[in-house]
């Protein structure tokens, strides 16, 4: 009998992959990296992430060389979102990440200056294990747009509202499985390494 495409009680007991959750929104921390950190000085070339065409995602080893190089940014709860659109006539896809930074605003101001002046990528955890949406491709780094607001009243929305756009990407909603063990927090750069 063919496998069922629905999540049933027996599937849960068997830990069937068809029962994976698809949460709305994102986790409350995103991770930044510089394109230059993908350069392999031994090979004298950039090692770009590889695409797994069977899963419309990046391969498990795609970002392995970023270990110890990521910068984590805490975002406002329930402010993270990833959207995607296609470019007609085989032009690929545009993936967009949006989030608000409402704490540590001065620290993020310094990061924003770097983001505005360098090629970078963003890993945005989906909330499903270590899986991340990826805003980076071999064709293009993420582009950065920032707006800010202090708010007028104590309970007003405030902070840095960030939009990171990446186009051309091979698939919509490009993901990476993340580290095989531990978490992306284990891949953070130390302050002295940045």
Protein backbone atom coordinates (compact mmCIF):
# COMPACT_ATOMS: atom_id res chain seq x y z
CA UNK A 1 0.00 0.00 0.00
CA UNK A 2 1.43 3.47 -0.88
CA UNK A 3 2.57 5.74 1.93
CA UNK A 4 0.00 8.21 3.19
CA UNK A 5 0.60 11.91 2.63
CA UNK A 6 -1.29 12.85 5.77
CA UNK A 7 -0.12 12.88 9.34
CA UNK A 8 -1.95 10.13 11.21
CA UNK A 9 -1.43 8.64 14.68
CA UNK A 10 0.66 5.77 13.32
CA UNK A 11 2.86 8.28 11.45
CA UNK A 12 3.59 10.07 14.72
CA UNK A 13 4.55 6.81 16.42
CA UNK A 14 6.84 5.96 13.49
CA UNK A 15 8.30 9.51 13.46
CA UNK A 16 7.27 9.90 9.82
CA UNK A 17 8.74 12.97 8.13
CA UNK A 18 5.27 13.84 6.78
CA UNK A 19 4.39 14.99 10.31
CA UNK A 20 6.83 17.88 10.47
CA UNK A 21 5.32 21.14 11.63
CA UNK A 22 5.18 24.21 9.41
CA UNK A 23 5.16 27.09 11.86
CA UNK A 24 4.18 30.63 10.95
CA UNK A 25 6.74 33.37 11.45
CA UNK A 26 10.35 32.76 12.46
CA UNK A 27 12.44 32.24 15.57
CA UNK A 28 13.43 35.27 17.65
CA UNK A 29 17.09 35.38 16.61
CA UNK A 30 18.58 35.74 13.13
CA UNK A 31 22.20 35.21 12.08
CA UNK A 32 24.37 37.33 9.79
CA UNK A 33 27.52 36.42 7.88
CA UNK A 34 29.74 38.20 5.39
CA UNK A 35 30.22 36.87 1.88
CA UNK A 36 33.98 37.16 2.40
CA UNK A 37 33.69 34.43 5.07
CA UNK A 38 32.81 31.97 2.29
CA UNK A 39 36.25 32.48 0.73
CA UNK A 40 38.50 29.43 1.00
CA UNK A 41 42.07 30.70 1.24
CA UNK A 42 43.46 27.20 0.54
CA UNK A 43 41.45 26.80 -2.66
CA UNK A 44 41.78 30.53 -3.50
CA UNK A 45 38.09 30.81 -4.37
CA UNK A 46 34.65 31.33 -2.89
CA UNK A 47 32.91 28.17 -1.73
CA UNK A 48 29.28 28.93 -2.49
CA UNK A 49 26.41 26.95 -0.98
CA UNK A 50 25.32 23.96 -3.06
CA UNK A 51 21.69 23.41 -4.00
CA UNK A 52 19.93 20.11 -3.35
CA UNK A 53 17.51 20.10 -6.30
CA UNK A 54 15.52 17.15 -4.91
CA UNK A 55 14.55 19.21 -1.86
CA UNK A 56 14.71 22.76 -3.27
CA UNK A 57 17.12 23.62 -0.43
CA UNK A 58 20.82 23.97 0.28
CA UNK A 59 22.83 20.81 0.99
CA UNK A 60 23.69 19.92 4.59
CA UNK A 61 27.35 20.93 4.15
CA UNK A 62 26.67 24.21 2.33
CA UNK A 63 27.54 26.61 5.15
CA UNK A 64 29.92 24.44 7.18
CA UNK A 65 32.75 26.98 6.85
CA UNK A 66 30.70 29.59 8.75
CA UNK A 67 31.25 27.82 12.07
CA UNK A 68 32.62 30.38 14.53
CA UNK A 69 31.82 33.29 12.20
CA UNK A 70 28.10 34.09 12.65
CA UNK A 71 26.69 37.17 14.35
CA UNK A 72 23.39 36.67 16.18
CA UNK A 73 20.74 39.40 16.32
CA UNK A 74 17.77 39.14 18.66
CA UNK A 75 14.62 40.35 16.97
CA UNK A 76 11.30 41.46 18.39
CA UNK A 77 9.03 38.46 19.09
CA UNK A 78 6.53 37.82 16.30
CA UNK A 79 8.23 40.32 13.96
CA UNK A 80 10.14 37.87 11.75
CA UNK A 81 8.72 37.01 8.35
CA UNK A 82 10.03 35.61 5.07
CA UNK A 83 8.20 36.12 1.77
CA UNK A 84 8.99 35.14 -1.80
CA UNK A 85 7.96 35.99 -5.34
CA UNK A 86 8.92 34.71 -8.75
CA UNK A 87 10.54 36.57 -11.60
CA UNK A 88 8.70 35.64 -14.83
CA UNK A 89 10.30 33.95 -17.83
CA UNK A 90 12.64 31.72 -15.84
CA UNK A 91 14.24 34.61 -13.93
CA UNK A 92 14.37 32.77 -10.61
CA UNK A 93 12.93 33.95 -7.33
CA UNK A 94 13.21 36.81 -4.86
CA UNK A 95 13.24 35.93 -1.16
CA UNK A 96 12.67 38.69 1.40
CA UNK A 97 13.19 38.63 5.18
CA UNK A 98 11.64 41.27 7.41
CA UNK A 99 12.15 41.77 11.14
CA UNK A 100 12.25 44.42 13.86
CA UNK A 101 15.12 45.03 16.26
CA UNK A 102 13.72 46.84 19.30
CA UNK A 103 16.40 46.03 21.91
CA UNK A 104 20.11 46.69 21.65
CA UNK A 105 19.37 49.39 19.10
CA UNK A 106 22.81 51.05 19.28
CA UNK A 107 24.54 47.72 18.76
CA UNK A 108 22.34 47.03 15.75
CA UNK A 109 23.08 50.52 14.42
CA UNK A 110 26.74 49.48 14.23
CA UNK A 111 25.79 46.22 12.49
CA UNK A 112 23.54 48.17 10.10
CA UNK A 113 26.50 50.30 9.04
CA UNK A 114 28.42 47.14 8.12
CA UNK A 115 25.39 45.59 6.40
CA UNK A 116 25.00 48.76 4.35
CA UNK A 117 28.61 48.58 3.15
CA UNK A 118 29.35 44.87 2.56
CA UNK A 119 28.00 41.76 0.85
CA UNK A 120 26.30 39.56 3.41
CA UNK A 121 23.85 36.75 3.97
CA UNK A 122 21.15 36.08 6.54
CA UNK A 123 20.10 32.83 8.19
CA UNK A 124 16.59 33.06 9.64
CA UNK A 125 15.56 30.05 11.74
CA UNK A 126 12.17 28.64 10.78
CA UNK A 127 11.39 27.47 14.29
CA UNK A 128 11.54 23.83 13.14
CA UNK A 129 14.75 22.41 14.65
CA UNK A 130 17.91 24.00 13.22
CA UNK A 131 16.33 24.66 9.81
CA UNK A 132 16.84 28.19 8.45
CA UNK A 133 15.57 30.30 5.61
CA UNK A 134 18.60 31.56 3.69
CA UNK A 135 18.93 34.98 2.11
CA UNK A 136 22.05 34.40 0.01
CA UNK A 137 22.87 32.66 -3.24
CA UNK A 138 25.87 32.15 -5.48
CA UNK A 139 24.32 34.82 -7.71
CA UNK A 140 23.59 37.50 -5.14
CA UNK A 141 24.13 38.69 -1.60
CA UNK A 142 21.26 40.08 0.44
CA UNK A 143 20.34 43.73 -0.07
CA UNK A 144 19.59 45.85 2.98
CA UNK A 145 16.89 48.42 3.72
CA UNK A 146 16.30 50.01 7.11
CA UNK A 147 13.67 52.29 8.59
CA UNK A 148 13.47 53.41 12.19
CA UNK A 149 11.00 54.87 14.64
CA UNK A 150 11.14 55.86 18.31
CA UNK A 151 7.39 55.61 18.77
CA UNK A 152 5.48 58.41 20.50
CA UNK A 153 3.92 56.54 23.44
CA UNK A 154 5.44 53.97 25.81
CA UNK A 155 3.59 51.07 24.17
CA UNK A 156 4.17 52.16 20.53
CA UNK A 157 6.05 50.05 18.00
CA UNK A 158 9.65 51.23 17.88
CA UNK A 159 13.05 50.15 16.71
CA UNK A 160 14.86 49.28 13.49
CA UNK A 161 12.55 47.79 10.88
CA UNK A 162 14.75 45.77 8.55
CA UNK A 163 14.08 44.34 5.11
CA UNK A 164 16.69 42.05 3.53
CA UNK A 165 16.07 41.05 -0.08
CA UNK A 166 17.89 38.40 -2.08
CA UNK A 167 17.42 37.91 -5.82
CA UNK A 168 18.27 35.84 -7.97
CA UNK A 169 17.58 32.66 -6.08
CA UNK A 170 16.95 29.26 -7.61
CA UNK A 171 13.89 28.41 -5.50
CA UNK A 172 11.33 30.24 -3.37
CA UNK A 173 11.69 29.89 0.41
CA UNK A 174 15.24 28.51 0.19
CA UNK A 175 16.24 26.69 3.37
CA UNK A 176 19.23 24.98 4.94
CA UNK A 177 18.93 22.21 7.53
CA UNK A 178 21.38 23.96 9.87
CA UNK A 179 24.08 22.33 11.99
CA UNK A 180 23.81 18.57 12.36
CA UNK A 181 24.50 18.89 16.10
CA UNK A 182 24.12 21.76 18.53
CA UNK A 183 22.61 25.01 17.34
CA UNK A 184 23.57 28.11 15.39
CA UNK A 185 24.41 29.78 18.70
CA UNK A 186 27.32 27.35 18.86
CA UNK A 187 28.56 28.93 15.59
CA UNK A 188 28.72 32.51 16.88
CA UNK A 189 31.93 34.48 16.43
CA UNK A 190 33.64 35.78 19.51
CA UNK A 191 33.84 39.54 19.84
CA UNK A 192 37.59 39.42 19.20
CA UNK A 193 37.09 37.55 15.91
CA UNK A 194 34.74 40.09 14.36
